[in-house]
Amino acid sequence: MLKVCTITITLVLVGCSSSLLVTPTGQSGDLSFNKLNEQIKNDKVTISFEDSGRAIAEEFRLENDSASWKEVVSGSMFKTSVSRLHFLSTHPNRFVGAMNGLGKGLVIGGVIGAMIGGGSDSFRGDEGMGAFLGALTGGGAGALIGIVLGAVVPQSHEYHFTHTALKK
């Protein structure tokens, strides 16, 4: 039981990567250029080009068949064809990671604590008290562990470009 709980907690806190097809606005796909622009509008990103070059950028935008951004180092604005881009990765946000860890840790810790506390016979005559105290204790411990892990190991996102679309 403990091994299953440990594996479950690890998978939820570490997370799973997903793949989204991002297409120009107006074409069918999981995520349009406009939605991608909205998701990353305040993020600092690393742009990797097909020729193996890289740039660290802010204010990255995709429109039709072009990409534009402000380079962090020089402050200069650049624009190029989407076909020159290999992938785009967002820089991890430690605060968001900590908040995600808080939520996941609270839920997972609470469930596991309730399961352990509910199996305890220490509270005879007070059915449910063990589960309640277990959920309270486990949720608090899980939240603290989740905050630390989420801040220490925040997740970045990668968007890989193909000829006419890109994948996350």
N, C-alpha and C. Protein backbone atom coordinates (compact mmCIF):
# COMPACT_ATOMS: atom_id res chain seq x y z
N MET A 1 0.82 -1.20 0.00
CA MET A 1 0.00 0.00 0.00
C MET A 1 0.87 1.26 0.00
N LEU A 2 1.89 1.26 0.86
CA LEU A 2 2.76 2.42 0.93
C LEU A 2 3.51 2.63 -0.37
N LYS A 3 3.90 1.53 -1.02
CA LYS A 3 4.62 1.64 -2.30
C LYS A 3 3.72 2.26 -3.37
N VAL A 4 2.45 1.85 -3.42
CA VAL A 4 1.50 2.39 -4.39
C VAL A 4 1.29 3.88 -4.13
N CYS A 5 1.15 4.26 -2.87
CA CYS A 5 0.96 5.68 -2.52
C CYS A 5 2.18 6.49 -2.91
N THR A 6 3.38 5.96 -2.65
CA THR A 6 4.60 6.67 -3.01
C THR A 6 4.71 6.88 -4.50
N ILE A 7 4.40 5.86 -5.28
CA ILE A 7 4.45 5.97 -6.74
C ILE A 7 3.42 6.99 -7.23
N THR A 8 2.22 6.94 -6.67
CA THR A 8 1.16 7.87 -7.07
C THR A 8 1.56 9.31 -6.77
N ILE A 9 2.07 9.54 -5.57
CA ILE A 9 2.49 10.90 -5.20
C ILE A 9 3.60 11.39 -6.12
N THR A 10 4.57 10.54 -6.39
CA THR A 10 5.68 10.92 -7.26
C THR A 10 5.18 11.29 -8.64
N LEU A 11 4.30 10.48 -9.22
CA LEU A 11 3.79 10.76 -10.56
C LEU A 11 3.00 12.05 -10.62
N VAL A 12 2.18 12.30 -9.60
CA VAL A 12 1.35 13.51 -9.61
C VAL A 12 2.21 14.75 -9.40
N LEU A 13 3.16 14.70 -8.47
CA LEU A 13 3.99 15.87 -8.21
C LEU A 13 4.96 16.15 -9.34
N VAL A 14 5.53 15.12 -9.92
CA VAL A 14 6.46 15.31 -11.03
C VAL A 14 5.68 15.71 -12.27
N GLY A 15 4.52 15.15 -12.46
CA GLY A 15 3.68 15.49 -13.59
C GLY A 15 4.00 14.67 -14.82
N CYS A 16 3.13 14.74 -15.76
CA CYS A 16 3.31 14.04 -17.01
C CYS A 16 3.35 15.08 -18.12
N SER A 17 4.17 14.85 -19.10
CA SER A 17 4.21 15.79 -20.21
C SER A 17 3.08 15.46 -21.17
N SER A 18 2.57 16.47 -21.81
CA SER A 18 1.50 16.26 -22.78
C SER A 18 1.93 16.84 -24.12
N SER A 19 1.27 16.40 -25.15
CA SER A 19 1.59 16.88 -26.49
C SER A 19 0.34 17.52 -27.07
N LEU A 20 0.46 18.76 -27.45
CA LEU A 20 -0.64 19.48 -28.06
C LEU A 20 -0.24 19.92 -29.46
N LEU A 21 -1.14 19.77 -30.40
CA LEU A 21 -0.90 20.25 -31.74
C LEU A 21 -1.33 21.71 -31.80
N VAL A 22 -0.40 22.59 -32.13
CA VAL A 22 -0.68 24.02 -32.21
C VAL A 22 -0.68 24.40 -33.67
N THR A 23 -1.77 25.00 -34.12
CA THR A 23 -1.94 25.32 -35.54
C THR A 23 -2.26 26.80 -35.73
N PRO A 24 -2.02 27.31 -36.92
CA PRO A 24 -2.42 28.69 -37.17
C PRO A 24 -3.91 28.88 -36.88
N THR A 25 -4.27 30.06 -36.40
CA THR A 25 -5.66 30.36 -36.07
C THR A 25 -6.55 30.13 -37.28
N GLY A 26 -7.68 29.47 -37.05
CA GLY A 26 -8.61 29.18 -38.14
C GLY A 26 -8.48 27.76 -38.65
N GLN A 27 -7.40 27.05 -38.31
CA GLN A 27 -7.25 25.65 -38.70
C GLN A 27 -7.56 24.77 -37.50
N SER A 28 -7.93 23.53 -37.77
CA SER A 28 -8.27 22.64 -36.66
C SER A 28 -7.01 22.17 -35.95
N GLY A 29 -7.08 22.05 -34.65
CA GLY A 29 -5.96 21.61 -33.83
C GLY A 29 -6.31 21.79 -32.37
N ASP A 30 -5.44 21.33 -31.47
CA ASP A 30 -5.70 21.42 -30.05
C ASP A 30 -5.51 22.84 -29.50
N LEU A 31 -4.59 23.59 -30.08
CA LEU A 31 -4.25 24.91 -29.57
C LEU A 31 -3.87 25.81 -30.74
N SER A 32 -4.54 26.94 -30.88
CA SER A 32 -4.24 27.86 -31.98
C SER A 32 -3.05 28.76 -31.62
N PHE A 33 -2.48 29.41 -32.62
CA PHE A 33 -1.40 30.38 -32.38
C PHE A 33 -1.87 31.43 -31.37
N ASN A 34 -3.12 31.90 -31.51
CA ASN A 34 -3.64 32.92 -30.60
C ASN A 34 -3.66 32.44 -29.16
N LYS A 35 -4.09 31.20 -28.95
CA LYS A 35 -4.13 30.64 -27.59
C LYS A 35 -2.73 30.45 -27.03
N LEU A 36 -1.80 30.01 -27.88
CA LEU A 36 -0.42 29.87 -27.45
C LEU A 36 0.15 31.23 -27.06
N ASN A 37 -0.11 32.24 -27.89
CA ASN A 37 0.34 33.61 -27.57
C ASN A 37 -0.18 34.05 -26.21
N GLU A 38 -1.44 33.74 -25.94
CA GLU A 38 -2.05 34.12 -24.66
C GLU A 38 -1.39 33.38 -23.50
N GLN A 39 -1.08 32.10 -23.69
CA GLN A 39 -0.48 31.31 -22.62
C GLN A 39 0.94 31.76 -22.26
N ILE A 40 1.69 32.23 -23.23
CA ILE A 40 3.10 32.57 -22.97
C ILE A 40 3.38 34.06 -23.00
N LYS A 41 2.34 34.89 -23.02
CA LYS A 41 2.54 36.34 -23.23
C LYS A 41 3.44 36.99 -22.19
N ASN A 42 3.47 36.54 -20.97
CA ASN A 42 4.30 37.15 -19.93
C ASN A 42 5.54 36.34 -19.60
N ASP A 43 5.79 35.29 -20.36
CA ASP A 43 6.90 34.38 -20.06
C ASP A 43 8.18 34.78 -20.78
N LYS A 44 9.29 34.51 -20.13
CA LYS A 44 10.59 34.58 -20.79
C LYS A 44 10.77 33.21 -21.44
N VAL A 45 11.20 33.19 -22.70
CA VAL A 45 11.32 31.93 -23.43
C VAL A 45 12.71 31.81 -24.05
N THR A 46 13.10 30.57 -24.30
CA THR A 46 14.31 30.30 -25.07
C THR A 46 13.86 29.80 -26.43
N ILE A 47 14.34 30.44 -27.47
CA ILE A 47 14.01 30.06 -28.85
C ILE A 47 15.19 29.29 -29.41
N SER A 48 14.94 28.10 -29.93
CA SER A 48 15.99 27.32 -30.60
C SER A 48 15.66 27.29 -32.08
N PHE A 49 16.64 27.65 -32.89
CA PHE A 49 16.44 27.74 -34.32
C PHE A 49 16.89 26.46 -35.03
N GLU A 50 16.43 26.26 -36.24
CA GLU A 50 16.81 25.09 -37.04
C GLU A 50 18.31 25.01 -37.26
N ASP A 51 19.00 26.16 -37.30
CA ASP A 51 20.46 26.17 -37.52
C ASP A 51 21.25 26.02 -36.21
N SER A 52 20.58 25.60 -35.14
CA SER A 52 21.16 25.37 -33.80
C SER A 52 21.44 26.64 -33.01
N GLY A 53 21.07 27.80 -33.52
CA GLY A 53 21.21 29.04 -32.77
C GLY A 53 20.15 29.12 -31.69
N ARG A 54 20.39 29.99 -30.72
CA ARG A 54 19.43 30.19 -29.62
C ARG A 54 19.30 31.67 -29.28
N ALA A 55 18.14 32.02 -28.72
CA ALA A 55 17.93 33.38 -28.24
C ALA A 55 17.03 33.31 -27.02
N ILE A 56 17.29 34.18 -26.06
CA ILE A 56 16.41 34.30 -24.89
C ILE A 56 15.55 35.52 -25.15
N ALA A 57 14.24 35.32 -25.07
CA ALA A 57 13.32 36.36 -25.53
C ALA A 57 12.18 36.62 -24.56
N GLU A 58 11.60 37.79 -24.73
CA GLU A 58 10.36 38.19 -24.06
C GLU A 58 9.41 38.66 -25.16
N GLU A 59 8.14 38.79 -24.81
CA GLU A 59 7.13 39.30 -25.75
C GLU A 59 7.09 38.49 -27.05
N PHE A 60 7.24 37.18 -26.93
CA PHE A 60 7.21 36.31 -28.11
C PHE A 60 5.79 36.21 -28.63
N ARG A 61 5.63 36.32 -29.97
CA ARG A 61 4.30 36.23 -30.61
C ARG A 61 4.40 35.47 -31.92
N LEU A 62 3.37 34.66 -32.18
CA LEU A 62 3.23 33.98 -33.47
C LEU A 62 2.06 34.61 -34.20
N GLU A 63 2.26 34.95 -35.46
CA GLU A 63 1.18 35.48 -36.29
C GLU A 63 1.34 34.92 -37.69
N ASN A 64 0.31 34.28 -38.18
CA ASN A 64 0.31 33.66 -39.51
C ASN A 64 1.54 32.78 -39.69
N ASP A 65 2.51 33.21 -40.48
CA ASP A 65 3.70 32.39 -40.72
C ASP A 65 4.97 33.02 -40.16
N SER A 66 4.82 34.00 -39.24
CA SER A 66 6.00 34.66 -38.69
C SER A 66 5.98 34.67 -37.17
N ALA A 67 7.16 34.85 -36.61
CA ALA A 67 7.33 34.97 -35.16
C ALA A 67 8.09 36.25 -34.87
N SER A 68 7.72 36.95 -33.81
CA SER A 68 8.43 38.16 -33.41
C SER A 68 8.70 38.10 -31.91
N TRP A 69 9.77 38.77 -31.47
CA TRP A 69 10.14 38.77 -30.07
C TRP A 69 11.12 39.90 -29.78
N LYS A 70 11.28 40.17 -28.48
CA LYS A 70 12.27 41.13 -28.01
C LYS A 70 13.37 40.30 -27.33
N GLU A 71 14.61 40.45 -27.82
CA GLU A 71 15.71 39.72 -27.22
C GLU A 71 16.07 40.33 -25.87
N VAL A 72 16.22 39.47 -24.85
CA VAL A 72 16.46 39.94 -23.49
C VAL A 72 17.81 40.66 -23.37
N VAL A 73 18.86 40.10 -23.95
CA VAL A 73 20.21 40.65 -23.80
C VAL A 73 20.34 42.03 -24.43
N SER A 74 19.93 42.17 -25.68
CA SER A 74 20.14 43.44 -26.40
C SER A 74 18.94 44.38 -26.32
N GLY A 75 17.75 43.84 -26.04
CA GLY A 75 16.54 44.65 -26.04
C GLY A 75 16.02 44.92 -27.43
N SER A 76 16.64 44.32 -28.45
CA SER A 76 16.24 44.53 -29.85
C SER A 76 15.05 43.67 -30.21
N MET A 77 14.23 44.15 -31.12
CA MET A 77 13.09 43.40 -31.63
C MET A 77 13.53 42.61 -32.86
N PHE A 78 13.03 41.38 -33.00
CA PHE A 78 13.35 40.52 -34.13
C PHE A 78 12.08 39.92 -34.69
N LYS A 79 12.14 39.54 -35.96
CA LYS A 79 11.02 38.89 -36.63
C LYS A 79 11.60 37.89 -37.63
N THR A 80 11.01 36.70 -37.70
CA THR A 80 11.48 35.68 -38.64
C THR A 80 10.32 34.77 -39.02
N SER A 81 10.57 33.93 -39.99
CA SER A 81 9.58 32.95 -40.43
C SER A 81 9.49 31.82 -39.41
N VAL A 82 8.28 31.31 -39.19
CA VAL A 82 8.08 30.20 -38.27
C VAL A 82 8.89 28.98 -38.72
N SER A 83 9.12 28.83 -40.01
CA SER A 83 9.86 27.68 -40.53
C SER A 83 11.32 27.66 -40.05
N ARG A 84 11.87 28.77 -39.59
CA ARG A 84 13.24 28.81 -39.07
C ARG A 84 13.34 28.32 -37.63
N LEU A 85 12.18 28.21 -36.94
CA LEU A 85 12.17 27.85 -35.52
C LEU A 85 12.14 26.34 -35.35
N HIS A 86 12.96 25.84 -34.42
CA HIS A 86 12.99 24.41 -34.09
C HIS A 86 12.09 24.13 -32.89
N PHE A 87 12.32 24.82 -31.76
CA PHE A 87 11.41 24.72 -30.62
C PHE A 87 11.51 25.94 -29.74
N LEU A 88 10.53 26.07 -28.89
CA LEU A 88 10.39 27.18 -27.96
C LEU A 88 10.19 26.57 -26.59
N SER A 89 10.92 27.04 -25.57
CA SER A 89 10.70 26.53 -24.22
C SER A 89 10.50 27.70 -23.26
N THR A 90 9.53 27.55 -22.39
CA THR A 90 9.28 28.58 -21.38
C THR A 90 10.20 28.32 -20.20
N HIS A 91 10.57 29.39 -19.51
CA HIS A 91 11.41 29.26 -18.33
C HIS A 91 10.51 28.92 -17.14
N PRO A 92 10.96 28.05 -16.24
CA PRO A 92 10.12 27.63 -15.13
C PRO A 92 9.78 28.78 -14.19
N ASN A 93 8.58 28.75 -13.66
CA ASN A 93 8.11 29.75 -12.72
C ASN A 93 7.99 29.06 -11.35
N ARG A 94 8.86 29.42 -10.42
CA ARG A 94 8.91 28.75 -9.11
C ARG A 94 7.66 29.01 -8.27
N PHE A 95 7.08 30.20 -8.36
CA PHE A 95 5.86 30.48 -7.59
C PHE A 95 4.71 29.61 -8.07
N VAL A 96 4.52 29.53 -9.38
CA VAL A 96 3.45 28.68 -9.93
C VAL A 96 3.71 27.22 -9.56
N GLY A 97 4.97 26.79 -9.63
CA GLY A 97 5.31 25.43 -9.24
C GLY A 97 4.97 25.16 -7.79
N ALA A 98 5.26 26.11 -6.90
CA ALA A 98 4.95 25.96 -5.48
C ALA A 98 3.44 25.88 -5.25
N MET A 99 2.67 26.71 -5.97
CA MET A 99 1.21 26.68 -5.80
C MET A 99 0.61 25.37 -6.33
N ASN A 100 1.14 24.88 -7.46
CA ASN A 100 0.68 23.58 -7.96
C ASN A 100 1.02 22.48 -6.96
N GLY A 101 2.22 22.53 -6.39
CA GLY A 101 2.63 21.55 -5.39
C GLY A 101 1.76 21.62 -4.15
N LEU A 102 1.39 22.82 -3.73
CA LEU A 102 0.51 23.00 -2.58
C LEU A 102 -0.82 22.27 -2.80
N GLY A 103 -1.44 22.53 -3.94
CA GLY A 103 -2.74 21.90 -4.22
C GLY A 103 -2.66 20.40 -4.32
N LYS A 104 -1.68 19.91 -5.08
CA LYS A 104 -1.54 18.46 -5.24
C LYS A 104 -1.17 17.79 -3.92
N GLY A 105 -0.26 18.40 -3.17
CA GLY A 105 0.15 17.82 -1.89
C GLY A 105 -0.97 17.80 -0.88
N LEU A 106 -1.77 18.84 -0.85
CA LEU A 106 -2.90 18.91 0.07
C LEU A 106 -3.90 17.79 -0.21
N VAL A 107 -4.24 17.60 -1.47
CA VAL A 107 -5.21 16.56 -1.84
C VAL A 107 -4.64 15.17 -1.59
N ILE A 108 -3.44 14.92 -2.11
CA ILE A 108 -2.85 13.58 -1.98
C ILE A 108 -2.58 13.25 -0.51
N GLY A 109 -1.99 14.20 0.21
CA GLY A 109 -1.71 13.98 1.63
C GLY A 109 -2.99 13.77 2.43
N GLY A 110 -4.03 14.53 2.11
CA GLY A 110 -5.31 14.39 2.79
C GLY A 110 -5.95 13.03 2.55
N VAL A 111 -5.91 12.57 1.32
CA VAL A 111 -6.50 11.26 0.99
C VAL A 111 -5.72 10.14 1.69
N ILE A 112 -4.41 10.19 1.59
CA ILE A 112 -3.59 9.14 2.21
C ILE A 112 -3.74 9.19 3.74
N GLY A 113 -3.74 10.39 4.31
CA GLY A 113 -3.93 10.53 5.76
C GLY A 113 -5.27 10.00 6.20
N ALA A 114 -6.33 10.27 5.42
CA ALA A 114 -7.66 9.76 5.77
C ALA A 114 -7.71 8.24 5.69
N MET A 115 -7.02 7.68 4.69
CA MET A 115 -6.99 6.21 4.57
C MET A 115 -6.26 5.59 5.76
N ILE A 116 -5.14 6.18 6.13
CA ILE A 116 -4.37 5.64 7.26
C ILE A 116 -5.13 5.87 8.57
N GLY A 117 -5.63 7.09 8.77
CA GLY A 117 -6.36 7.41 10.00
C GLY A 117 -7.67 6.65 10.12
N GLY A 118 -8.32 6.38 9.00
CA GLY A 118 -9.58 5.64 9.02
C GLY A 118 -9.38 4.19 9.40
N GLY A 119 -8.20 3.65 9.18
CA GLY A 119 -7.91 2.26 9.55
C GLY A 119 -7.46 2.13 10.99
N SER A 120 -7.30 3.26 11.67
CA SER A 120 -6.84 3.24 13.05
C SER A 120 -8.01 2.96 13.98
N ASP A 121 -7.76 2.16 15.02
CA ASP A 121 -8.82 1.88 15.99
C ASP A 121 -8.57 2.64 17.29
N SER A 122 -7.80 3.71 17.20
CA SER A 122 -7.46 4.51 18.39
C SER A 122 -8.65 5.33 18.88
N PHE A 123 -9.63 5.56 18.03
CA PHE A 123 -10.75 6.44 18.39
C PHE A 123 -12.05 5.64 18.47
N ARG A 124 -12.09 4.65 19.31
CA ARG A 124 -13.30 3.83 19.47
C ARG A 124 -14.46 4.70 19.95
N GLY A 125 -15.57 4.51 19.34
CA GLY A 125 -16.74 5.29 19.71
C GLY A 125 -16.86 6.59 18.94
N ASP A 126 -15.80 7.01 18.32
CA ASP A 126 -15.81 8.23 17.53
C ASP A 126 -15.48 7.87 16.09
N GLU A 127 -16.39 7.21 15.43
CA GLU A 127 -16.14 6.78 14.06
C GLU A 127 -15.92 8.00 13.17
N GLY A 128 -14.91 7.94 12.37
CA GLY A 128 -14.60 9.03 11.46
C GLY A 128 -13.60 10.02 12.00
N MET A 129 -13.38 10.02 13.32
CA MET A 129 -12.42 10.97 13.91
C MET A 129 -11.00 10.66 13.44
N GLY A 130 -10.65 9.38 13.36
CA GLY A 130 -9.31 8.99 12.89
C GLY A 130 -9.09 9.43 11.46
N ALA A 131 -10.09 9.22 10.62
CA ALA A 131 -9.99 9.62 9.21
C ALA A 131 -9.88 11.14 9.09
N PHE A 132 -10.65 11.86 9.90
CA PHE A 132 -10.61 13.32 9.87
C PHE A 132 -9.23 13.84 10.29
N LEU A 133 -8.74 13.33 11.42
CA LEU A 133 -7.42 13.78 11.90
C LEU A 133 -6.31 13.35 10.95
N GLY A 134 -6.46 12.17 10.36
CA GLY A 134 -5.48 11.71 9.37
C GLY A 134 -5.47 12.61 8.15
N ALA A 135 -6.67 12.98 7.67
CA ALA A 135 -6.77 13.87 6.51
C ALA A 135 -6.18 15.24 6.82
N LEU A 136 -6.46 15.73 8.02
CA LEU A 136 -5.94 17.04 8.43
C LEU A 136 -4.41 17.03 8.51
N THR A 137 -3.88 16.02 9.18
CA THR A 137 -2.43 15.91 9.34
C THR A 137 -1.76 15.60 8.00
N GLY A 138 -2.30 14.62 7.27
CA GLY A 138 -1.72 14.25 5.98
C GLY A 138 -1.81 15.38 4.97
N GLY A 139 -2.92 16.10 4.97
CA GLY A 139 -3.08 17.23 4.05
C GLY A 139 -2.08 18.34 4.33
N GLY A 140 -1.87 18.63 5.62
CA GLY A 140 -0.89 19.66 5.98
C GLY A 140 0.52 19.25 5.60
N ALA A 141 0.86 18.00 5.90
CA ALA A 141 2.21 17.52 5.55
C ALA A 141 2.39 17.48 4.04
N GLY A 142 1.36 17.00 3.34
CA GLY A 142 1.43 16.93 1.88
C GLY A 142 1.56 18.31 1.25
N ALA A 143 0.84 19.28 1.81
CA ALA A 143 0.92 20.65 1.29
C ALA A 143 2.33 21.22 1.46
N LEU A 144 2.92 21.01 2.62
CA LEU A 144 4.29 21.52 2.85
C LEU A 144 5.29 20.84 1.91
N ILE A 145 5.19 19.53 1.78
CA ILE A 145 6.09 18.80 0.88
C ILE A 145 5.86 19.26 -0.56
N GLY A 146 4.61 19.43 -0.94
CA GLY A 146 4.28 19.88 -2.30
C GLY A 146 4.82 21.26 -2.62
N ILE A 147 4.73 22.19 -1.66
CA ILE A 147 5.26 23.54 -1.88
C ILE A 147 6.76 23.48 -2.14
N VAL A 148 7.46 22.73 -1.30
CA VAL A 148 8.92 22.63 -1.45
C VAL A 148 9.28 21.99 -2.78
N LEU A 149 8.67 20.84 -3.08
CA LEU A 149 8.99 20.16 -4.35
C LEU A 149 8.59 20.99 -5.56
N GLY A 150 7.44 21.64 -5.50
CA GLY A 150 7.00 22.48 -6.62
C GLY A 150 7.91 23.66 -6.87
N ALA A 151 8.46 24.24 -5.81
CA ALA A 151 9.37 25.38 -5.97
C ALA A 151 10.76 24.93 -6.41
N VAL A 152 11.19 23.77 -5.93
CA VAL A 152 12.53 23.28 -6.26
C VAL A 152 12.57 22.70 -7.68
N VAL A 153 11.50 22.04 -8.09
CA VAL A 153 11.48 21.37 -9.39
C VAL A 153 10.31 21.91 -10.23
N PRO A 154 10.34 23.21 -10.58
CA PRO A 154 9.25 23.74 -11.40
C PRO A 154 9.35 23.20 -12.82
N GLN A 155 8.23 23.16 -13.50
CA GLN A 155 8.20 22.60 -14.85
C GLN A 155 8.21 23.71 -15.90
N SER A 156 8.99 23.47 -16.92
CA SER A 156 8.96 24.36 -18.09
C SER A 156 8.17 23.62 -19.17
N HIS A 157 7.80 24.32 -20.21
CA HIS A 157 7.05 23.72 -21.31
C HIS A 157 7.83 23.90 -22.60
N GLU A 158 7.80 22.89 -23.44
CA GLU A 158 8.46 22.98 -24.74
C GLU A 158 7.41 22.87 -25.84
N TYR A 159 7.58 23.68 -26.86
CA TYR A 159 6.71 23.69 -28.02
C TYR A 159 7.60 23.42 -29.24
N HIS A 160 7.46 22.24 -29.81
CA HIS A 160 8.30 21.84 -30.94
C HIS A 160 7.61 22.19 -32.26
N PHE A 161 8.33 22.85 -33.14
CA PHE A 161 7.78 23.30 -34.41
C PHE A 161 7.98 22.25 -35.49
N THR A 162 6.97 22.10 -36.33
CA THR A 162 7.09 21.32 -37.56
C THR A 162 6.86 22.29 -38.70
N HIS A 163 6.73 21.81 -39.93
CA HIS A 163 6.59 22.72 -41.08
C HIS A 163 5.37 23.61 -40.99
N THR A 164 4.22 23.05 -40.62
CA THR A 164 3.00 23.86 -40.62
C THR A 164 2.36 23.96 -39.25
N ALA A 165 2.91 23.27 -38.26
CA ALA A 165 2.31 23.31 -36.91
C ALA A 165 3.41 23.13 -35.89
N LEU A 166 3.05 23.24 -34.62
CA LEU A 166 4.01 22.97 -33.60
C LEU A 166 3.37 22.13 -32.51
N LYS A 167 4.19 21.38 -31.79
CA LYS A 167 3.69 20.50 -30.74
C LYS A 167 4.24 20.94 -29.41
N LYS A 168 3.43 20.76 -28.38
CA LYS A 168 3.87 21.05 -27.01
C LYS A 168 4.24 19.75 -26.38
